[in-house]
Amino acid sequence: MSRISRLDRSHATPQIAALYDKAFAQRGNVPNMFRVMAHRPEIFATMQAHFGAVLNTGTVSTKLKELSLCYQHGVK
């Protein structure tokens, strides 16, 4: 059981719902980390922008960046 609840879309404000929709459109899901951060909309919005800047710019492909993150976190 998580210590911080994940905010379900049905309980989200319109601002958070729009960010959920954006994440879903880009990834096909809303990661649990995003759903936890949604409790703080001002942080969630900047976090999502930061992730977009890191993953979608530069010379390394997005897929390789995500793969390296999985490796670093022990995801098999």
PDB file of N, CA and C in Angstrom:
ATOM      1  N   MET A   1       0.835  -1.170   0.000  1.00  0.00           N
ATOM      2  CA  MET A   1       0.000   0.000   0.000  1.00  0.00           C
ATOM      3  C   MET A   1       0.888   1.243   0.000  1.00  0.00           C
ATOM      4  N   SER A   2       0.536   2.186  -0.850  1.00  0.00           N
ATOM      5  CA  SER A   2       1.334   3.406  -0.903  1.00  0.00           C
ATOM      6  C   SER A   2       0.984   4.310   0.280  1.00  0.00           C
ATOM      7  N   ARG A   3       1.927   5.111   0.677  1.00  0.00           N
ATOM      8  CA  ARG A   3       1.701   6.031   1.796  1.00  0.00           C
ATOM      9  C   ARG A   3       1.024   7.311   1.336  1.00  0.00           C
ATOM     10  N   ILE A   4       1.252   7.687   0.110  1.00  0.00           N
ATOM     11  CA  ILE A   4       0.599   8.857  -0.462  1.00  0.00           C
ATOM     12  C   ILE A   4      -0.355   8.346  -1.530  1.00  0.00           C
ATOM     13  N   SER A   5      -1.585   8.736  -1.433  1.00  0.00           N
ATOM     14  CA  SER A   5      -2.587   8.215  -2.368  1.00  0.00           C
ATOM     15  C   SER A   5      -2.358   8.757  -3.777  1.00  0.00           C
ATOM     16  N   ARG A   6      -2.805   7.989  -4.732  1.00  0.00           N
ATOM     17  CA  ARG A   6      -2.773   8.400  -6.127  1.00  0.00           C
ATOM     18  C   ARG A   6      -4.118   9.040  -6.449  1.00  0.00           C
ATOM     19  N   LEU A   7      -4.076  10.205  -7.032  1.00  0.00           N
ATOM     20  CA  LEU A   7      -5.296  10.939  -7.337  1.00  0.00           C
ATOM     21  C   LEU A   7      -5.947  10.348  -8.579  1.00  0.00           C
ATOM     22  N   ASP A   8      -7.145   9.824  -8.405  1.00  0.00           N
ATOM     23  CA  ASP A   8      -7.896   9.263  -9.525  1.00  0.00           C
ATOM     24  C   ASP A   8      -8.431  10.396 -10.395  1.00  0.00           C
ATOM     25  N   ARG A   9      -8.519  10.148 -11.688  1.00  0.00           N
ATOM     26  CA  ARG A   9      -8.969  11.186 -12.609  1.00  0.00           C
ATOM     27  C   ARG A   9     -10.375  11.673 -12.259  1.00  0.00           C
ATOM     28  N   SER A  10     -11.213  10.803 -11.743  1.00  0.00           N
ATOM     29  CA  SER A  10     -12.583  11.197 -11.404  1.00  0.00           C
ATOM     30  C   SER A  10     -12.627  12.219 -10.260  1.00  0.00           C
ATOM     31  N   HIS A  11     -11.546  12.342  -9.502  1.00  0.00           N
ATOM     32  CA  HIS A  11     -11.471  13.311  -8.408  1.00  0.00           C
ATOM     33  C   HIS A  11     -10.595  14.513  -8.756  1.00  0.00           C
ATOM     34  N   ALA A  12     -10.117  14.568  -9.981  1.00  0.00           N
ATOM     35  CA  ALA A  12      -9.188  15.625 -10.389  1.00  0.00           C
ATOM     36  C   ALA A  12      -9.919  16.903 -10.766  1.00  0.00           C
ATOM     37  N   THR A  13      -9.253  18.021 -10.525  1.00  0.00           N
ATOM     38  CA  THR A  13      -9.772  19.316 -10.973  1.00  0.00           C
ATOM     39  C   THR A  13      -9.648  19.378 -12.496  1.00  0.00           C
ATOM     40  N   PRO A  14     -10.339  20.309 -13.134  1.00  0.00           N
ATOM     41  CA  PRO A  14     -10.192  20.435 -14.595  1.00  0.00           C
ATOM     42  C   PRO A  14      -8.738  20.649 -15.033  1.00  0.00           C
ATOM     43  N   GLN A  15      -7.964  21.403 -14.239  1.00  0.00           N
ATOM     44  CA  GLN A  15      -6.553  21.634 -14.573  1.00  0.00           C
ATOM     45  C   GLN A  15      -5.778  20.317 -14.551  1.00  0.00           C
ATOM     46  N   ILE A  16      -5.968  19.515 -13.522  1.00  0.00           N
ATOM     47  CA  ILE A  16      -5.266  18.230 -13.410  1.00  0.00           C
ATOM     48  C   ILE A  16      -5.778  17.261 -14.471  1.00  0.00           C
ATOM     49  N   ALA A  17      -7.079  17.271 -14.728  1.00  0.00           N
ATOM     50  CA  ALA A  17      -7.639  16.384 -15.753  1.00  0.00           C
ATOM     51  C   ALA A  17      -6.999  16.666 -17.113  1.00  0.00           C
ATOM     52  N   ALA A  18      -6.760  17.935 -17.410  1.00  0.00           N
ATOM     53  CA  ALA A  18      -6.101  18.290 -18.676  1.00  0.00           C
ATOM     54  C   ALA A  18      -4.677  17.744 -18.722  1.00  0.00           C
ATOM     55  N   LEU A  19      -3.956  17.795 -17.589  1.00  0.00           N
ATOM     56  CA  LEU A  19      -2.597  17.251 -17.540  1.00  0.00           C
ATOM     57  C   LEU A  19      -2.625  15.724 -17.652  1.00  0.00           C
ATOM     58  N   TYR A  20      -3.618  15.081 -17.039  1.00  0.00           N
ATOM     59  CA  TYR A  20      -3.780  13.630 -17.181  1.00  0.00           C
ATOM     60  C   TYR A  20      -4.004  13.281 -18.652  1.00  0.00           C
ATOM     61  N   ASP A  21      -4.890  14.038 -19.311  1.00  0.00           N
ATOM     62  CA  ASP A  21      -5.186  13.775 -20.723  1.00  0.00           C
ATOM     63  C   ASP A  21      -3.938  13.930 -21.583  1.00  0.00           C
ATOM     64  N   LYS A  22      -3.123  14.941 -21.275  1.00  0.00           N
ATOM     65  CA  LYS A  22      -1.880  15.154 -22.024  1.00  0.00           C
ATOM     66  C   LYS A  22      -0.927  13.979 -21.824  1.00  0.00           C
ATOM     67  N   ALA A  23      -0.777  13.539 -20.583  1.00  0.00           N
ATOM     68  CA  ALA A  23       0.106  12.402 -20.295  1.00  0.00           C
ATOM     69  C   ALA A  23      -0.412  11.144 -20.988  1.00  0.00           C
ATOM     70  N   PHE A  24      -1.719  10.929 -20.944  1.00  0.00           N
ATOM     71  CA  PHE A  24      -2.301   9.739 -21.570  1.00  0.00           C
ATOM     72  C   PHE A  24      -2.100   9.776 -23.087  1.00  0.00           C
ATOM     73  N   ALA A  25      -2.262  10.936 -23.683  1.00  0.00           N
ATOM     74  CA  ALA A  25      -2.073  11.066 -25.130  1.00  0.00           C
ATOM     75  C   ALA A  25      -0.633  10.771 -25.533  1.00  0.00           C
ATOM     76  N   GLN A  26       0.320  11.169 -24.695  1.00  0.00           N
ATOM     77  CA  GLN A  26       1.738  10.968 -25.019  1.00  0.00           C
ATOM     78  C   GLN A  26       2.207   9.551 -24.717  1.00  0.00           C
ATOM     79  N   ARG A  27       1.698   8.929 -23.637  1.00  0.00           N
ATOM     80  CA  ARG A  27       2.249   7.668 -23.149  1.00  0.00           C
ATOM     81  C   ARG A  27       1.304   6.482 -23.245  1.00  0.00           C
ATOM     82  N   GLY A  28       0.005   6.757 -23.364  1.00  0.00           N
ATOM     83  CA  GLY A  28      -0.972   5.671 -23.358  1.00  0.00           C
ATOM     84  C   GLY A  28      -1.406   5.276 -21.950  1.00  0.00           C
ATOM     85  N   ASN A  29      -0.862   5.970 -20.942  1.00  0.00           N
ATOM     86  CA  ASN A  29      -1.254   5.759 -19.545  1.00  0.00           C
ATOM     87  C   ASN A  29      -0.841   6.989 -18.744  1.00  0.00           C
ATOM     88  N   VAL A  30      -1.287   7.034 -17.503  1.00  0.00           N
ATOM     89  CA  VAL A  30      -0.855   8.089 -16.587  1.00  0.00           C
ATOM     90  C   VAL A  30      -0.041   7.389 -15.501  1.00  0.00           C
ATOM     91  N   PRO A  31       1.270   7.589 -15.484  1.00  0.00           N
ATOM     92  CA  PRO A  31       2.112   6.905 -14.497  1.00  0.00           C
ATOM     93  C   PRO A  31       1.674   7.216 -13.063  1.00  0.00           C
ATOM     94  N   ASN A  32       1.842   6.239 -12.196  1.00  0.00           N
ATOM     95  CA  ASN A  32       1.478   6.423 -10.788  1.00  0.00           C
ATOM     96  C   ASN A  32       2.199   7.614 -10.172  1.00  0.00           C
ATOM     97  N   MET A  33       3.442   7.829 -10.564  1.00  0.00           N
ATOM     98  CA  MET A  33       4.197   8.971 -10.045  1.00  0.00           C
ATOM     99  C   MET A  33       3.463  10.277 -10.369  1.00  0.00           C
ATOM    100  N   PHE A  34       2.905  10.376 -11.565  1.00  0.00           N
ATOM    101  CA  PHE A  34       2.153  11.572 -11.946  1.00  0.00           C
ATOM    102  C   PHE A  34       0.890  11.682 -11.105  1.00  0.00           C
ATOM    103  N   ARG A  35       0.233  10.555 -10.862  1.00  0.00           N
ATOM    104  CA  ARG A  35      -1.014  10.566 -10.092  1.00  0.00           C
ATOM    105  C   ARG A  35      -0.773  10.961  -8.638  1.00  0.00           C
ATOM    106  N   VAL A  36       0.390  10.650  -8.104  1.00  0.00           N
ATOM    107  CA  VAL A  36       0.741  11.092  -6.749  1.00  0.00           C
ATOM    108  C   VAL A  36       1.036  12.588  -6.761  1.00  0.00           C
ATOM    109  N   MET A  37       1.810  13.038  -7.732  1.00  0.00           N
ATOM    110  CA  MET A  37       2.176  14.454  -7.802  1.00  0.00           C
ATOM    111  C   MET A  37       0.973  15.344  -8.092  1.00  0.00           C
ATOM    112  N   ALA A  38      -0.113  14.789  -8.577  1.00  0.00           N
ATOM    113  CA  ALA A  38      -1.303  15.571  -8.905  1.00  0.00           C
ATOM    114  C   ALA A  38      -1.939  16.212  -7.673  1.00  0.00           C
ATOM    115  N   HIS A  39      -1.552  15.761  -6.490  1.00  0.00           N
ATOM    116  CA  HIS A  39      -2.039  16.406  -5.270  1.00  0.00           C
ATOM    117  C   HIS A  39      -1.516  17.842  -5.165  1.00  0.00           C
ATOM    118  N   ARG A  40      -0.422  18.120  -5.849  1.00  0.00           N
ATOM    119  CA  ARG A  40       0.170  19.472  -5.869  1.00  0.00           C
ATOM    120  C   ARG A  40       0.220  19.950  -7.320  1.00  0.00           C
ATOM    121  N   PRO A  41      -0.880  20.527  -7.818  1.00  0.00           N
ATOM    122  CA  PRO A  41      -0.969  20.886  -9.241  1.00  0.00           C
ATOM    123  C   PRO A  41       0.179  21.747  -9.742  1.00  0.00           C
ATOM    124  N   GLU A  42       0.653  22.693  -8.913  1.00  0.00           N
ATOM    125  CA  GLU A  42       1.729  23.586  -9.363  1.00  0.00           C
ATOM    126  C   GLU A  42       3.030  22.820  -9.577  1.00  0.00           C
ATOM    127  N   ILE A  43       3.271  21.795  -8.794  1.00  0.00           N
ATOM    128  CA  ILE A  43       4.473  20.974  -8.952  1.00  0.00           C
ATOM    129  C   ILE A  43       4.275  19.977 -10.093  1.00  0.00           C
ATOM    130  N   PHE A  44       3.088  19.398 -10.172  1.00  0.00           N
ATOM    131  CA  PHE A  44       2.793  18.419 -11.223  1.00  0.00           C
ATOM    132  C   PHE A  44       2.978  19.034 -12.605  1.00  0.00           C
ATOM    133  N   ALA A  45       2.481  20.248 -12.799  1.00  0.00           N
ATOM    134  CA  ALA A  45       2.595  20.893 -14.110  1.00  0.00           C
ATOM    135  C   ALA A  45       4.053  21.131 -14.489  1.00  0.00           C
ATOM    136  N   THR A  46       4.864  21.604 -13.537  1.00  0.00           N
ATOM    137  CA  THR A  46       6.267  21.853 -13.861  1.00  0.00           C
ATOM    138  C   THR A  46       7.043  20.547 -14.020  1.00  0.00           C
ATOM    139  N   MET A  47       6.661  19.527 -13.261  1.00  0.00           N
ATOM    140  CA  MET A  47       7.321  18.229 -13.398  1.00  0.00           C
ATOM    141  C   MET A  47       7.052  17.634 -14.781  1.00  0.00           C
ATOM    142  N   GLN A  48       5.810  17.741 -15.212  1.00  0.00           N
ATOM    143  CA  GLN A  48       5.466  17.213 -16.534  1.00  0.00           C
ATOM    144  C   GLN A  48       6.218  17.973 -17.634  1.00  0.00           C
ATOM    145  N   ALA A  49       6.356  19.275 -17.477  1.00  0.00           N
ATOM    146  CA  ALA A  49       7.115  20.060 -18.452  1.00  0.00           C
ATOM    147  C   ALA A  49       8.587  19.662 -18.442  1.00  0.00           C
ATOM    148  N   HIS A  50       9.140  19.428 -17.257  1.00  0.00           N
ATOM    149  CA  HIS A  50      10.542  19.007 -17.142  1.00  0.00           C
ATOM    150  C   HIS A  50      10.756  17.648 -17.816  1.00  0.00           C
ATOM    151  N   PHE A  51       9.890  16.699 -17.544  1.00  0.00           N
ATOM    152  CA  PHE A  51      10.012  15.384 -18.169  1.00  0.00           C
ATOM    153  C   PHE A  51       9.958  15.506 -19.680  1.00  0.00           C
ATOM    154  N   GLY A  52       9.058  16.353 -20.183  1.00  0.00           N
ATOM    155  CA  GLY A  52       8.964  16.554 -21.625  1.00  0.00           C
ATOM    156  C   GLY A  52      10.250  17.115 -22.204  1.00  0.00           C
ATOM    157  N   ALA A  53      10.841  18.071 -21.513  1.00  0.00           N
ATOM    158  CA  ALA A  53      12.089  18.677 -21.993  1.00  0.00           C
ATOM    159  C   ALA A  53      13.227  17.666 -21.979  1.00  0.00           C
ATOM    160  N   VAL A  54      13.302  16.855 -20.955  1.00  0.00           N
ATOM    161  CA  VAL A  54      14.381  15.865 -20.851  1.00  0.00           C
ATOM    162  C   VAL A  54      14.198  14.750 -21.880  1.00  0.00           C
ATOM    163  N   LEU A  55      12.993  14.231 -21.979  1.00  0.00           N
ATOM    164  CA  LEU A  55      12.772  13.060 -22.825  1.00  0.00           C
ATOM    165  C   LEU A  55      12.629  13.383 -24.307  1.00  0.00           C
ATOM    166  N   ASN A  56      12.148  14.574 -24.644  1.00  0.00           N
ATOM    167  CA  ASN A  56      11.816  14.853 -26.038  1.00  0.00           C
ATOM    168  C   ASN A  56      12.780  15.780 -26.757  1.00  0.00           C
ATOM    169  N   THR A  57      13.909  16.109 -26.129  1.00  0.00           N
ATOM    170  CA  THR A  57      14.908  16.948 -26.801  1.00  0.00           C
ATOM    171  C   THR A  57      16.266  16.254 -26.740  1.00  0.00           C
ATOM    172  N   GLY A  58      17.199  16.750 -27.509  1.00  0.00           N
ATOM    173  CA  GLY A  58      18.549  16.192 -27.499  1.00  0.00           C
ATOM    174  C   GLY A  58      18.758  15.169 -28.602  1.00  0.00           C
ATOM    175  N   THR A  59      19.931  14.557 -28.600  1.00  0.00           N
ATOM    176  CA  THR A  59      20.306  13.640 -29.676  1.00  0.00           C
ATOM    177  C   THR A  59      20.005  12.183 -29.359  1.00  0.00           C
ATOM    178  N   VAL A  60      19.785  11.852 -28.099  1.00  0.00           N
ATOM    179  CA  VAL A  60      19.465  10.477 -27.707  1.00  0.00           C
ATOM    180  C   VAL A  60      17.956  10.286 -27.845  1.00  0.00           C
ATOM    181  N   SER A  61      17.549   9.161 -28.407  1.00  0.00           N
ATOM    182  CA  SER A  61      16.121   8.924 -28.626  1.00  0.00           C
ATOM    183  C   SER A  61      15.365   8.789 -27.306  1.00  0.00           C
ATOM    184  N   THR A  62      14.088   9.116 -27.356  1.00  0.00           N
ATOM    185  CA  THR A  62      13.234   9.003 -26.167  1.00  0.00           C
ATOM    186  C   THR A  62      13.202   7.569 -25.662  1.00  0.00           C
ATOM    187  N   LYS A  63      13.109   6.609 -26.558  1.00  0.00           N
ATOM    188  CA  LYS A  63      13.056   5.199 -26.145  1.00  0.00           C
ATOM    189  C   LYS A  63      14.327   4.784 -25.408  1.00  0.00           C
ATOM    190  N   LEU A  64      15.472   5.234 -25.878  1.00  0.00           N
ATOM    191  CA  LEU A  64      16.725   4.903 -25.210  1.00  0.00           C
ATOM    192  C   LEU A  64      16.811   5.577 -23.838  1.00  0.00           C
ATOM    193  N   LYS A  65      16.344   6.804 -23.742  1.00  0.00           N
ATOM    194  CA  LYS A  65      16.323   7.486 -22.447  1.00  0.00           C
ATOM    195  C   LYS A  65      15.438   6.731 -21.459  1.00  0.00           C
ATOM    196  N   GLU A  66      14.247   6.310 -21.904  1.00  0.00           N
ATOM    197  CA  GLU A  66      13.346   5.568 -21.021  1.00  0.00           C
ATOM    198  C   GLU A  66      13.952   4.224 -20.629  1.00  0.00           C
ATOM    199  N   LEU A  67      14.608   3.564 -21.565  1.00  0.00           N
ATOM    200  CA  LEU A  67      15.259   2.294 -21.274  1.00  0.00           C
ATOM    201  C   LEU A  67      16.361   2.474 -20.230  1.00  0.00           C
ATOM    202  N   SER A  68      17.134   3.546 -20.351  1.00  0.00           N
ATOM    203  CA  SER A  68      18.203   3.776 -19.372  1.00  0.00           C
ATOM    204  C   SER A  68      17.622   4.077 -17.989  1.00  0.00           C
ATOM    205  N   LEU A  69      16.496   4.774 -17.937  1.00  0.00           N
ATOM    206  CA  LEU A  69      15.834   5.019 -16.647  1.00  0.00           C
ATOM    207  C   LEU A  69      15.364   3.712 -16.018  1.00  0.00           C
ATOM    208  N   CYS A  70      14.800   2.834 -16.831  1.00  0.00           N
ATOM    209  CA  CYS A  70      14.359   1.527 -16.323  1.00  0.00           C
ATOM    210  C   CYS A  70      15.547   0.743 -15.775  1.00  0.00           C
ATOM    211  N   TYR A  71      16.645   0.756 -16.507  1.00  0.00           N
ATOM    212  CA  TYR A  71      17.848   0.042 -16.070  1.00  0.00           C
ATOM    213  C   TYR A  71      18.353   0.601 -14.747  1.00  0.00           C
ATOM    214  N   GLN A  72      18.396   1.922 -14.634  1.00  0.00           N
ATOM    215  CA  GLN A  72      18.886   2.561 -13.409  1.00  0.00           C
ATOM    216  C   GLN A  72      18.021   2.214 -12.208  1.00  0.00           C
ATOM    217  N   HIS A  73      16.736   1.989 -12.436  1.00  0.00           N
ATOM    218  CA  HIS A  73      15.811   1.713 -11.343  1.00  0.00           C
ATOM    219  C   HIS A  73      15.540   0.218 -11.152  1.00  0.00           C
ATOM    220  N   GLY A  74      16.284  -0.600 -11.858  1.00  0.00           N
ATOM    221  CA  GLY A  74      16.192  -2.040 -11.668  1.00  0.00           C
ATOM    222  C   GLY A  74      14.967  -2.695 -12.277  1.00  0.00           C
ATOM    223  N   VAL A  75      14.296  -2.031 -13.211  1.00  0.00           N
ATOM    224  CA  VAL A  75      13.138  -2.619 -13.873  1.00  0.00           C
ATOM    225  C   VAL A  75      13.631  -3.614 -14.903  1.00  0.00           C
ATOM    226  N   LYS A  76      13.094  -4.779 -14.873  1.00  0.00           N
ATOM    227  CA  LYS A  76      13.523  -5.822 -15.817  1.00  0.00           C
ATOM    228  C   LYS A  76      12.463  -6.055 -16.859  1.00  0.00           C
TER     229      LYS A  76
END
